Amino acid sequence: MVNRTLLALSILCILSSPVWADKNAGFAAAKRGDYETALRELRPLADRGDAATQVFLGLMYSEGLGVKKDLVEATIWYRKAADQGDDSGQFMLGISYVEGKGVTKDFAEAAIWLHKAADHGNIGAYGPLGVMYAKGQGVTQDYIQAHKWFSLAARKTKNPGSAITARDRIASQMTPEELAEARRLAREWTPQ
C-alpha cells in the first residue's frame, strides 16, 4: 500500500520539475488536501500524456484520494507513465505487480518494470529488486545480485537500516569470492 509519505514525496518530486500553471495549481490543491480541485486540474494533463500527472492520478486512485479507490484504474495510470519511460510510473507499476494490486501478482513482470525504474535511477526500486533476487521471485535466485541491490539501497536511501540488515543476512550465505563480486557490481553500477 502506498502510504501518505510516498504520496507527499511524489508531490514534492513533481513540484520540483518544470510545470505548467495547471499542474502547479493541481499539485498545490492536492498538497492542501483538496483532491477534487487537484483532479480537475490534473486530469486533462494526464489525458494529454503528462507522465508526472499520470503517476499522481494513479496514486490518487490507489489511495482513494478525491476519487473512489480503484486499484485497476491506478495501474492503468501507472502503465501510461511507465510506457513513456517515466521511472516513477515504472516503479509503481512494478510494485503493483509485486503486490498484485490492480493486476494479477506477477513477479517476472514486476522484475521487468523495477529493473527499468532502477536503470533510470529510481532508488525505490533497489530494495524490492534485492528481495526478488534473494527469494528468486520473478528472477533466478542470485545472492550476488541481491547483495548488489541491497548495497545500492543502503547507500542511496535515507533510512538504510532494512537494506543493511538484508544485505548482511545475504552476505552470511555467500563465499568470499561471491561477496567480492557483489561489491564490485554495486561499486561499478550506474543508472543508464
N, C-alpha and C. Protein backbone atom coordinates (compact mmCIF):
# COMPACT_ATOMS: atom_id res chain seq x y z
N MET A 1 0.83 -1.17 0.00
CA MET A 1 0.00 0.00 0.00
C MET A 1 0.89 1.25 0.00
N VAL A 2 0.54 2.16 -0.88
CA VAL A 2 1.30 3.40 -0.95
C VAL A 2 0.88 4.25 0.24
N ASN A 3 1.83 4.65 1.05
CA ASN A 3 1.47 5.43 2.23
C ASN A 3 1.50 6.91 1.95
N ARG A 4 1.03 7.68 2.88
CA ARG A 4 0.95 9.13 2.71
C ARG A 4 2.34 9.76 2.56
N THR A 5 3.36 9.14 3.15
CA THR A 5 4.72 9.66 3.00
C THR A 5 5.14 9.58 1.54
N LEU A 6 4.88 8.44 0.89
CA LEU A 6 5.21 8.29 -0.51
C LEU A 6 4.42 9.29 -1.34
N LEU A 7 3.18 9.50 -0.99
CA LEU A 7 2.35 10.48 -1.68
C LEU A 7 2.95 11.87 -1.55
N ALA A 8 3.35 12.24 -0.35
CA ALA A 8 3.96 13.56 -0.12
C ALA A 8 5.27 13.70 -0.89
N LEU A 9 6.09 12.65 -0.87
CA LEU A 9 7.34 12.69 -1.61
C LEU A 9 7.10 12.80 -3.10
N SER A 10 6.07 12.11 -3.59
CA SER A 10 5.75 12.20 -5.01
C SER A 10 5.35 13.62 -5.38
N ILE A 11 4.56 14.25 -4.53
CA ILE A 11 4.15 15.63 -4.79
C ILE A 11 5.38 16.52 -4.84
N LEU A 12 6.27 16.35 -3.88
CA LEU A 12 7.47 17.19 -3.84
C LEU A 12 8.35 16.98 -5.06
N CYS A 13 8.52 15.74 -5.48
CA CYS A 13 9.33 15.47 -6.66
C CYS A 13 8.71 16.09 -7.90
N ILE A 14 7.41 15.97 -8.01
CA ILE A 14 6.73 16.52 -9.17
C ILE A 14 6.78 18.03 -9.15
N LEU A 15 6.63 18.63 -7.97
CA LEU A 15 6.67 20.09 -7.87
C LEU A 15 8.04 20.65 -8.17
N SER A 16 9.08 19.84 -8.02
CA SER A 16 10.43 20.34 -8.25
C SER A 16 10.79 20.38 -9.73
N SER A 17 9.94 19.81 -10.58
CA SER A 17 10.21 19.83 -12.02
C SER A 17 9.49 21.00 -12.67
N PRO A 18 9.95 21.39 -13.87
CA PRO A 18 9.26 22.47 -14.58
C PRO A 18 7.80 22.06 -14.81
N VAL A 19 6.89 22.95 -14.54
CA VAL A 19 5.48 22.61 -14.62
C VAL A 19 4.67 23.72 -15.26
N TRP A 20 3.51 23.34 -15.78
CA TRP A 20 2.55 24.30 -16.29
C TRP A 20 1.78 24.87 -15.11
N ALA A 21 1.12 26.00 -15.33
CA ALA A 21 0.31 26.63 -14.28
C ALA A 21 -0.75 25.66 -13.78
N ASP A 22 -1.40 24.90 -14.70
CA ASP A 22 -2.43 23.94 -14.30
C ASP A 22 -1.85 22.88 -13.36
N LYS A 23 -0.64 22.46 -13.68
CA LYS A 23 -0.01 21.43 -12.86
C LYS A 23 0.31 21.99 -11.48
N ASN A 24 0.85 23.20 -11.43
CA ASN A 24 1.11 23.83 -10.14
C ASN A 24 -0.14 23.93 -9.31
N ALA A 25 -1.22 24.38 -9.92
CA ALA A 25 -2.48 24.52 -9.20
C ALA A 25 -2.99 23.16 -8.73
N GLY A 26 -2.86 22.15 -9.58
CA GLY A 26 -3.33 20.82 -9.22
C GLY A 26 -2.56 20.21 -8.07
N PHE A 27 -1.24 20.30 -8.12
CA PHE A 27 -0.44 19.72 -7.05
C PHE A 27 -0.56 20.54 -5.76
N ALA A 28 -0.71 21.85 -5.89
CA ALA A 28 -0.92 22.67 -4.69
C ALA A 28 -2.23 22.30 -4.02
N ALA A 29 -3.25 22.06 -4.84
CA ALA A 29 -4.55 21.64 -4.29
C ALA A 29 -4.42 20.29 -3.57
N ALA A 30 -3.70 19.37 -4.18
CA ALA A 30 -3.51 18.04 -3.57
C ALA A 30 -2.76 18.18 -2.25
N LYS A 31 -1.74 19.03 -2.24
CA LYS A 31 -0.93 19.20 -1.03
C LYS A 31 -1.78 19.70 0.14
N ARG A 32 -2.77 20.53 -0.15
CA ARG A 32 -3.63 21.02 0.93
C ARG A 32 -4.85 20.13 1.16
N GLY A 33 -4.92 19.00 0.44
CA GLY A 33 -6.00 18.04 0.65
C GLY A 33 -7.24 18.29 -0.17
N ASP A 34 -7.20 19.21 -1.12
CA ASP A 34 -8.33 19.50 -2.00
C ASP A 34 -8.19 18.65 -3.26
N TYR A 35 -8.53 17.38 -3.13
CA TYR A 35 -8.32 16.44 -4.21
C TYR A 35 -9.31 16.63 -5.36
N GLU A 36 -10.46 17.20 -5.09
CA GLU A 36 -11.42 17.49 -6.16
C GLU A 36 -10.82 18.49 -7.14
N THR A 37 -10.25 19.57 -6.61
CA THR A 37 -9.59 20.56 -7.46
C THR A 37 -8.37 19.95 -8.14
N ALA A 38 -7.61 19.16 -7.39
CA ALA A 38 -6.43 18.51 -7.96
C ALA A 38 -6.82 17.67 -9.17
N LEU A 39 -7.86 16.89 -9.04
CA LEU A 39 -8.32 16.03 -10.12
C LEU A 39 -8.76 16.87 -11.32
N ARG A 40 -9.50 17.92 -11.07
CA ARG A 40 -9.99 18.80 -12.13
C ARG A 40 -8.81 19.44 -12.90
N GLU A 41 -7.78 19.84 -12.19
CA GLU A 41 -6.62 20.47 -12.83
C GLU A 41 -5.69 19.47 -13.52
N LEU A 42 -5.53 18.30 -12.91
CA LEU A 42 -4.51 17.36 -13.38
C LEU A 42 -5.01 16.38 -14.44
N ARG A 43 -6.27 16.02 -14.37
CA ARG A 43 -6.80 15.00 -15.30
C ARG A 43 -6.58 15.38 -16.76
N PRO A 44 -6.85 16.64 -17.17
CA PRO A 44 -6.61 16.98 -18.58
C PRO A 44 -5.13 16.83 -18.98
N LEU A 45 -4.23 17.15 -18.07
CA LEU A 45 -2.81 17.00 -18.37
C LEU A 45 -2.45 15.52 -18.51
N ALA A 46 -2.98 14.70 -17.62
CA ALA A 46 -2.72 13.26 -17.69
C ALA A 46 -3.30 12.68 -18.98
N ASP A 47 -4.50 13.14 -19.34
CA ASP A 47 -5.12 12.66 -20.58
C ASP A 47 -4.29 13.04 -21.81
N ARG A 48 -3.58 14.16 -21.73
CA ARG A 48 -2.72 14.61 -22.84
C ARG A 48 -1.34 13.95 -22.80
N GLY A 49 -1.10 13.10 -21.80
CA GLY A 49 0.13 12.32 -21.80
C GLY A 49 1.22 12.79 -20.85
N ASP A 50 0.91 13.70 -19.93
CA ASP A 50 1.92 14.14 -18.97
C ASP A 50 2.17 13.02 -17.95
N ALA A 51 3.37 12.45 -17.99
CA ALA A 51 3.68 11.28 -17.16
C ALA A 51 3.60 11.56 -15.67
N ALA A 52 4.09 12.72 -15.23
CA ALA A 52 4.07 13.02 -13.80
C ALA A 52 2.64 13.07 -13.27
N THR A 53 1.74 13.65 -14.03
CA THR A 53 0.35 13.70 -13.56
C THR A 53 -0.32 12.34 -13.68
N GLN A 54 0.11 11.54 -14.64
CA GLN A 54 -0.42 10.18 -14.73
C GLN A 54 -0.06 9.37 -13.49
N VAL A 55 1.18 9.48 -13.05
CA VAL A 55 1.60 8.76 -11.83
C VAL A 55 0.79 9.28 -10.64
N PHE A 56 0.63 10.58 -10.55
CA PHE A 56 -0.10 11.13 -9.43
C PHE A 56 -1.56 10.69 -9.43
N LEU A 57 -2.19 10.65 -10.61
CA LEU A 57 -3.56 10.14 -10.67
C LEU A 57 -3.61 8.69 -10.22
N GLY A 58 -2.58 7.92 -10.61
CA GLY A 58 -2.50 6.54 -10.13
C GLY A 58 -2.48 6.47 -8.62
N LEU A 59 -1.70 7.36 -7.99
CA LEU A 59 -1.65 7.41 -6.52
C LEU A 59 -3.00 7.81 -5.94
N MET A 60 -3.67 8.76 -6.58
CA MET A 60 -4.98 9.17 -6.09
C MET A 60 -5.96 8.00 -6.12
N TYR A 61 -5.96 7.24 -7.22
CA TYR A 61 -6.86 6.08 -7.31
C TYR A 61 -6.43 4.96 -6.36
N SER A 62 -5.14 4.79 -6.19
CA SER A 62 -4.63 3.76 -5.29
C SER A 62 -5.05 4.02 -3.85
N GLU A 63 -5.05 5.28 -3.46
CA GLU A 63 -5.37 5.66 -2.07
C GLU A 63 -6.81 6.13 -1.88
N GLY A 64 -7.55 6.30 -2.97
CA GLY A 64 -8.91 6.82 -2.86
C GLY A 64 -8.93 8.28 -2.43
N LEU A 65 -8.05 9.07 -2.98
CA LEU A 65 -7.94 10.49 -2.62
C LEU A 65 -8.74 11.33 -3.62
N GLY A 66 -9.95 11.70 -3.23
CA GLY A 66 -10.81 12.50 -4.10
C GLY A 66 -11.51 11.70 -5.17
N VAL A 67 -11.25 10.43 -5.21
CA VAL A 67 -11.88 9.50 -6.15
C VAL A 67 -12.17 8.21 -5.40
N LYS A 68 -13.03 7.40 -5.98
CA LYS A 68 -13.27 6.09 -5.39
C LYS A 68 -12.00 5.25 -5.56
N LYS A 69 -11.57 4.60 -4.49
CA LYS A 69 -10.37 3.76 -4.56
C LYS A 69 -10.58 2.70 -5.63
N ASP A 70 -9.64 2.64 -6.55
CA ASP A 70 -9.75 1.72 -7.68
C ASP A 70 -8.34 1.32 -8.11
N LEU A 71 -7.89 0.17 -7.66
CA LEU A 71 -6.52 -0.27 -7.93
C LEU A 71 -6.29 -0.59 -9.40
N VAL A 72 -7.32 -1.02 -10.10
CA VAL A 72 -7.18 -1.27 -11.54
C VAL A 72 -6.95 0.04 -12.27
N GLU A 73 -7.74 1.06 -11.93
CA GLU A 73 -7.57 2.38 -12.54
C GLU A 73 -6.19 2.96 -12.19
N ALA A 74 -5.75 2.75 -10.97
CA ALA A 74 -4.42 3.22 -10.57
C ALA A 74 -3.35 2.61 -11.46
N THR A 75 -3.45 1.32 -11.69
CA THR A 75 -2.47 0.62 -12.50
C THR A 75 -2.50 1.08 -13.95
N ILE A 76 -3.68 1.41 -14.45
CA ILE A 76 -3.79 1.94 -15.82
C ILE A 76 -2.97 3.22 -15.95
N TRP A 77 -3.09 4.10 -14.95
CA TRP A 77 -2.35 5.36 -15.00
C TRP A 77 -0.84 5.13 -14.83
N TYR A 78 -0.46 4.21 -13.94
CA TYR A 78 0.96 3.91 -13.79
C TYR A 78 1.54 3.39 -15.11
N ARG A 79 0.79 2.50 -15.77
CA ARG A 79 1.27 1.92 -17.03
C ARG A 79 1.45 2.99 -18.10
N LYS A 80 0.52 3.95 -18.17
CA LYS A 80 0.64 5.02 -19.16
C LYS A 80 1.96 5.78 -18.96
N ALA A 81 2.28 6.09 -17.73
CA ALA A 81 3.52 6.79 -17.44
C ALA A 81 4.73 5.88 -17.68
N ALA A 82 4.63 4.64 -17.25
CA ALA A 82 5.73 3.69 -17.41
C ALA A 82 6.06 3.47 -18.88
N ASP A 83 5.03 3.36 -19.71
CA ASP A 83 5.24 3.14 -21.13
C ASP A 83 5.96 4.31 -21.80
N GLN A 84 5.92 5.48 -21.17
CA GLN A 84 6.64 6.64 -21.69
C GLN A 84 8.08 6.71 -21.17
N GLY A 85 8.44 5.76 -20.32
CA GLY A 85 9.79 5.74 -19.76
C GLY A 85 9.92 6.49 -18.45
N ASP A 86 8.81 6.84 -17.82
CA ASP A 86 8.84 7.55 -16.54
C ASP A 86 9.22 6.58 -15.43
N ASP A 87 10.31 6.88 -14.71
CA ASP A 87 10.80 5.93 -13.69
C ASP A 87 9.83 5.77 -12.53
N SER A 88 9.11 6.82 -12.16
CA SER A 88 8.13 6.68 -11.08
C SER A 88 6.98 5.78 -11.51
N GLY A 89 6.54 5.93 -12.74
CA GLY A 89 5.49 5.06 -13.27
C GLY A 89 5.96 3.62 -13.35
N GLN A 90 7.22 3.42 -13.77
CA GLN A 90 7.77 2.08 -13.84
C GLN A 90 7.86 1.45 -12.46
N PHE A 91 8.30 2.25 -11.49
CA PHE A 91 8.40 1.75 -10.12
C PHE A 91 7.03 1.37 -9.58
N MET A 92 6.07 2.26 -9.72
CA MET A 92 4.73 1.98 -9.18
C MET A 92 4.08 0.79 -9.88
N LEU A 93 4.29 0.65 -11.18
CA LEU A 93 3.76 -0.49 -11.90
C LEU A 93 4.44 -1.78 -11.42
N GLY A 94 5.74 -1.72 -11.22
CA GLY A 94 6.45 -2.90 -10.69
C GLY A 94 5.93 -3.31 -9.33
N ILE A 95 5.72 -2.33 -8.46
CA ILE A 95 5.19 -2.63 -7.12
C ILE A 95 3.77 -3.19 -7.22
N SER A 96 2.98 -2.67 -8.15
CA SER A 96 1.63 -3.20 -8.35
C SER A 96 1.69 -4.69 -8.68
N TYR A 97 2.65 -5.07 -9.53
CA TYR A 97 2.79 -6.49 -9.86
C TYR A 97 3.33 -7.30 -8.68
N VAL A 98 4.22 -6.74 -7.90
CA VAL A 98 4.72 -7.45 -6.71
C VAL A 98 3.58 -7.74 -5.74
N GLU A 99 2.75 -6.73 -5.52
CA GLU A 99 1.68 -6.84 -4.53
C GLU A 99 0.39 -7.43 -5.09
N GLY A 100 0.27 -7.51 -6.40
CA GLY A 100 -0.97 -8.00 -7.00
C GLY A 100 -2.12 -7.04 -6.78
N LYS A 101 -1.83 -5.76 -6.85
CA LYS A 101 -2.86 -4.73 -6.64
C LYS A 101 -3.19 -4.06 -7.96
N GLY A 102 -4.40 -4.33 -8.45
CA GLY A 102 -4.84 -3.78 -9.72
C GLY A 102 -4.46 -4.64 -10.90
N VAL A 103 -3.60 -5.61 -10.66
CA VAL A 103 -3.15 -6.58 -11.66
C VAL A 103 -2.95 -7.91 -10.94
N THR A 104 -2.85 -8.96 -11.72
CA THR A 104 -2.52 -10.26 -11.14
C THR A 104 -1.07 -10.23 -10.68
N LYS A 105 -0.83 -10.73 -9.48
CA LYS A 105 0.55 -10.79 -8.97
C LYS A 105 1.41 -11.53 -9.99
N ASP A 106 2.52 -10.90 -10.37
CA ASP A 106 3.39 -11.47 -11.39
C ASP A 106 4.80 -10.95 -11.14
N PHE A 107 5.61 -11.76 -10.48
CA PHE A 107 6.95 -11.33 -10.12
C PHE A 107 7.86 -11.11 -11.33
N ALA A 108 7.67 -11.91 -12.38
CA ALA A 108 8.50 -11.73 -13.58
C ALA A 108 8.21 -10.36 -14.20
N GLU A 109 6.96 -10.00 -14.30
CA GLU A 109 6.59 -8.69 -14.85
C GLU A 109 7.06 -7.58 -13.91
N ALA A 110 6.94 -7.82 -12.62
CA ALA A 110 7.43 -6.83 -11.65
C ALA A 110 8.92 -6.58 -11.84
N ALA A 111 9.68 -7.65 -12.03
CA ALA A 111 11.13 -7.52 -12.20
C ALA A 111 11.47 -6.68 -13.42
N ILE A 112 10.72 -6.86 -14.49
CA ILE A 112 10.96 -6.07 -15.71
C ILE A 112 10.80 -4.58 -15.42
N TRP A 113 9.69 -4.22 -14.77
CA TRP A 113 9.40 -2.80 -14.52
C TRP A 113 10.32 -2.22 -13.45
N LEU A 114 10.65 -3.00 -12.44
CA LEU A 114 11.55 -2.49 -11.41
C LEU A 114 12.97 -2.32 -11.95
N HIS A 115 13.39 -3.21 -12.83
CA HIS A 115 14.70 -3.02 -13.47
C HIS A 115 14.70 -1.75 -14.31
N LYS A 116 13.63 -1.51 -15.05
CA LYS A 116 13.57 -0.28 -15.86
C LYS A 116 13.64 0.95 -14.96
N ALA A 117 12.90 0.92 -13.85
CA ALA A 117 12.93 2.05 -12.92
C ALA A 117 14.32 2.25 -12.34
N ALA A 118 14.94 1.16 -11.92
CA ALA A 118 16.30 1.23 -11.36
C ALA A 118 17.29 1.75 -12.40
N ASP A 119 17.14 1.29 -13.63
CA ASP A 119 18.04 1.74 -14.70
C ASP A 119 17.90 3.24 -14.95
N HIS A 120 16.74 3.79 -14.62
CA HIS A 120 16.52 5.24 -14.75
C HIS A 120 16.88 5.98 -13.46
N GLY A 121 17.44 5.26 -12.49
CA GLY A 121 17.90 5.91 -11.26
C GLY A 121 16.88 5.99 -10.15
N ASN A 122 15.78 5.27 -10.25
CA ASN A 122 14.77 5.29 -9.20
C ASN A 122 15.25 4.41 -8.04
N ILE A 123 15.71 5.06 -6.97
CA ILE A 123 16.29 4.32 -5.85
C ILE A 123 15.27 3.47 -5.10
N GLY A 124 13.99 3.79 -5.24
CA GLY A 124 12.96 2.98 -4.60
C GLY A 124 12.93 1.56 -5.12
N ALA A 125 13.41 1.35 -6.33
CA ALA A 125 13.38 0.01 -6.93
C ALA A 125 14.50 -0.89 -6.42
N TYR A 126 15.53 -0.32 -5.82
CA TYR A 126 16.69 -1.12 -5.43
C TYR A 126 16.34 -2.19 -4.39
N GLY A 127 15.69 -1.81 -3.33
CA GLY A 127 15.33 -2.75 -2.27
C GLY A 127 14.45 -3.88 -2.76
N PRO A 128 13.33 -3.56 -3.46
CA PRO A 128 12.49 -4.64 -3.97
C PRO A 128 13.24 -5.59 -4.90
N LEU A 129 14.15 -5.05 -5.71
CA LEU A 129 14.94 -5.94 -6.57
C LEU A 129 15.83 -6.85 -5.72
N GLY A 130 16.39 -6.31 -4.65
CA GLY A 130 17.18 -7.14 -3.75
C GLY A 130 16.37 -8.29 -3.18
N VAL A 131 15.16 -7.99 -2.76
CA VAL A 131 14.27 -9.03 -2.21
C VAL A 131 13.97 -10.08 -3.27
N MET A 132 13.67 -9.62 -4.48
CA MET A 132 13.31 -10.56 -5.54
C MET A 132 14.48 -11.50 -5.88
N TYR A 133 15.69 -10.95 -5.93
CA TYR A 133 16.85 -11.80 -6.21
C TYR A 133 17.15 -12.72 -5.02
N ALA A 134 16.96 -12.25 -3.82
CA ALA A 134 17.21 -13.09 -2.64
C ALA A 134 16.26 -14.28 -2.59
N LYS A 135 15.01 -14.04 -2.99
CA LYS A 135 13.99 -15.09 -2.91
C LYS A 135 13.77 -15.83 -4.22
N GLY A 136 14.35 -15.33 -5.32
CA GLY A 136 14.10 -15.95 -6.61
C GLY A 136 12.69 -15.69 -7.10
N GLN A 137 12.19 -14.50 -6.86
CA GLN A 137 10.83 -14.14 -7.27
C GLN A 137 10.88 -13.40 -8.61
N GLY A 138 10.47 -14.07 -9.68
CA GLY A 138 10.44 -13.46 -10.99
C GLY A 138 11.80 -13.41 -11.67
N VAL A 139 12.83 -13.77 -10.96
CA VAL A 139 14.20 -13.82 -11.46
C VAL A 139 14.83 -15.08 -10.87
N THR A 140 15.93 -15.51 -11.45
CA THR A 140 16.67 -16.63 -10.87
C THR A 140 17.28 -16.16 -9.56
N GLN A 141 17.14 -16.97 -8.51
CA GLN A 141 17.74 -16.60 -7.23
C GLN A 141 19.22 -16.38 -7.42
N ASP A 142 19.68 -15.23 -6.92
CA ASP A 142 21.07 -14.85 -7.15
C ASP A 142 21.50 -13.94 -6.00
N TYR A 143 22.26 -14.51 -5.08
CA TYR A 143 22.69 -13.74 -3.92
C TYR A 143 23.65 -12.60 -4.28
N ILE A 144 24.40 -12.77 -5.35
CA ILE A 144 25.30 -11.69 -5.77
C ILE A 144 24.47 -10.48 -6.18
N GLN A 145 23.45 -10.71 -7.00
CA GLN A 145 22.58 -9.61 -7.41
C GLN A 145 21.78 -9.06 -6.23
N ALA A 146 21.31 -9.92 -5.35
CA ALA A 146 20.57 -9.46 -4.17
C ALA A 146 21.45 -8.53 -3.34
N HIS A 147 22.67 -8.97 -3.10
CA HIS A 147 23.61 -8.17 -2.30
C HIS A 147 23.87 -6.83 -2.98
N LYS A 148 24.07 -6.86 -4.30
CA LYS A 148 24.31 -5.63 -5.06
C LYS A 148 23.16 -4.65 -4.86
N TRP A 149 21.92 -5.11 -5.05
CA TRP A 149 20.77 -4.21 -4.94
C TRP A 149 20.57 -3.72 -3.51
N PHE A 150 20.77 -4.59 -2.54
CA PHE A 150 20.66 -4.14 -1.14
C PHE A 150 21.77 -3.14 -0.81
N SER A 151 22.97 -3.36 -1.34
CA SER A 151 24.07 -2.41 -1.11
C SER A 151 23.74 -1.05 -1.70
N LEU A 152 23.20 -1.04 -2.91
CA LEU A 152 22.81 0.22 -3.54
C LEU A 152 21.71 0.91 -2.73
N ALA A 153 20.75 0.13 -2.26
CA ALA A 153 19.67 0.71 -1.45
C ALA A 153 20.24 1.29 -0.15
N ALA A 154 21.15 0.57 0.47
CA ALA A 154 21.75 1.04 1.72
C ALA A 154 22.53 2.33 1.51
N ARG A 155 23.17 2.43 0.37
CA ARG A 155 23.98 3.60 0.06
C ARG A 155 23.15 4.82 -0.34
N LYS A 156 21.99 4.61 -0.97
CA LYS A 156 21.25 5.70 -1.58
C LYS A 156 20.02 6.17 -0.81
N THR A 157 19.45 5.32 0.05
CA THR A 157 18.21 5.70 0.73
C THR A 157 18.49 6.43 2.03
N LYS A 158 17.51 7.21 2.47
CA LYS A 158 17.66 7.99 3.70
C LYS A 158 17.61 7.12 4.94
N ASN A 159 16.84 6.03 4.88
CA ASN A 159 16.71 5.12 6.02
C ASN A 159 17.20 3.74 5.58
N PRO A 160 18.51 3.52 5.62
CA PRO A 160 19.08 2.30 5.05
C PRO A 160 19.03 1.07 5.94
N GLY A 161 18.45 1.17 7.13
CA GLY A 161 18.51 0.08 8.10
C GLY A 161 18.08 -1.27 7.57
N SER A 162 16.91 -1.36 6.94
CA SER A 162 16.43 -2.66 6.47
C SER A 162 17.28 -3.18 5.31
N ALA A 163 17.78 -2.28 4.47
CA ALA A 163 18.64 -2.71 3.37
C ALA A 163 19.96 -3.25 3.90
N ILE A 164 20.50 -2.61 4.92
CA ILE A 164 21.76 -3.07 5.53
C ILE A 164 21.55 -4.44 6.17
N THR A 165 20.46 -4.60 6.89
CA THR A 165 20.16 -5.89 7.53
C THR A 165 20.02 -6.99 6.49
N ALA A 166 19.26 -6.71 5.42
CA ALA A 166 19.06 -7.71 4.37
C ALA A 166 20.37 -8.03 3.67
N ARG A 167 21.16 -7.00 3.37
CA ARG A 167 22.46 -7.21 2.72
C ARG A 167 23.36 -8.08 3.58
N ASP A 168 23.41 -7.78 4.86
CA ASP A 168 24.28 -8.55 5.76
C ASP A 168 23.80 -9.99 5.93
N ARG A 169 22.50 -10.18 5.91
CA ARG A 169 21.94 -11.54 6.01
C ARG A 169 22.34 -12.35 4.78
N ILE A 170 22.24 -11.74 3.61
CA ILE A 170 22.64 -12.41 2.37
C ILE A 170 24.14 -12.68 2.38
N ALA A 171 24.92 -11.71 2.84
CA ALA A 171 26.38 -11.85 2.85
C ALA A 171 26.81 -13.07 3.66
N SER A 172 26.07 -13.38 4.72
CA SER A 172 26.44 -14.53 5.56
C SER A 172 26.28 -15.86 4.82
N GLN A 173 25.60 -15.85 3.68
CA GLN A 173 25.37 -17.07 2.91
C GLN A 173 26.23 -17.13 1.65
N MET A 174 27.14 -16.16 1.52
CA MET A 174 27.95 -16.05 0.31
C MET A 174 29.40 -16.42 0.58
N THR A 175 30.07 -16.90 -0.47
CA THR A 175 31.50 -17.15 -0.37
C THR A 175 32.24 -15.81 -0.45
N PRO A 176 33.48 -15.77 -0.03
CA PRO A 176 34.25 -14.52 -0.16
C PRO A 176 34.34 -14.04 -1.61
N GLU A 177 34.44 -14.97 -2.55
CA GLU A 177 34.51 -14.59 -3.97
C GLU A 177 33.18 -13.98 -4.44
N GLU A 178 32.07 -14.57 -4.02
CA GLU A 178 30.76 -14.03 -4.38
C GLU A 178 30.57 -12.64 -3.78
N LEU A 179 30.98 -12.49 -2.55
CA LEU A 179 30.86 -11.21 -1.87
C LEU A 179 31.69 -10.14 -2.57
N ALA A 180 32.89 -10.48 -2.97
CA ALA A 180 33.75 -9.53 -3.69
C ALA A 180 33.11 -9.13 -5.02
N GLU A 181 32.52 -10.09 -5.72
CA GLU A 181 31.85 -9.80 -6.99
C GLU A 181 30.64 -8.89 -6.78
N ALA A 182 29.86 -9.17 -5.75
CA ALA A 182 28.69 -8.33 -5.45
C ALA A 182 29.10 -6.90 -5.13
N ARG A 183 30.15 -6.77 -4.36
CA ARG A 183 30.65 -5.42 -4.01
C ARG A 183 31.16 -4.69 -5.25
N ARG A 184 31.84 -5.41 -6.12
CA ARG A 184 32.34 -4.80 -7.35
C ARG A 184 31.18 -4.32 -8.23
N LEU A 185 30.16 -5.17 -8.37
CA LEU A 185 29.00 -4.81 -9.18
C LEU A 185 28.30 -3.57 -8.62
N ALA A 186 28.15 -3.52 -7.32
CA ALA A 186 27.50 -2.36 -6.69
C ALA A 186 28.34 -1.10 -6.88
N ARG A 187 29.63 -1.25 -6.75
CA ARG A 187 30.54 -0.11 -6.89
C ARG A 187 30.51 0.45 -8.32
N GLU A 188 30.43 -0.43 -9.28
CA GLU A 188 30.51 -0.04 -10.69
C GLU A 188 29.16 0.29 -11.31
N TRP A 189 28.07 -0.02 -10.63
CA TRP A 189 26.74 0.18 -11.22
C TRP A 189 26.39 1.67 -11.29
N THR A 190 25.86 2.06 -12.42
CA THR A 190 25.34 3.43 -12.57
C THR A 190 24.04 3.35 -13.38
N PRO A 191 23.09 4.23 -13.07
CA PRO A 191 21.87 4.27 -13.87
C PRO A 191 22.21 4.62 -15.32
N GLN A 192 21.37 4.17 -16.22
CA GLN A 192 21.62 4.44 -17.65
C GLN A 192 21.21 5.85 -18.02
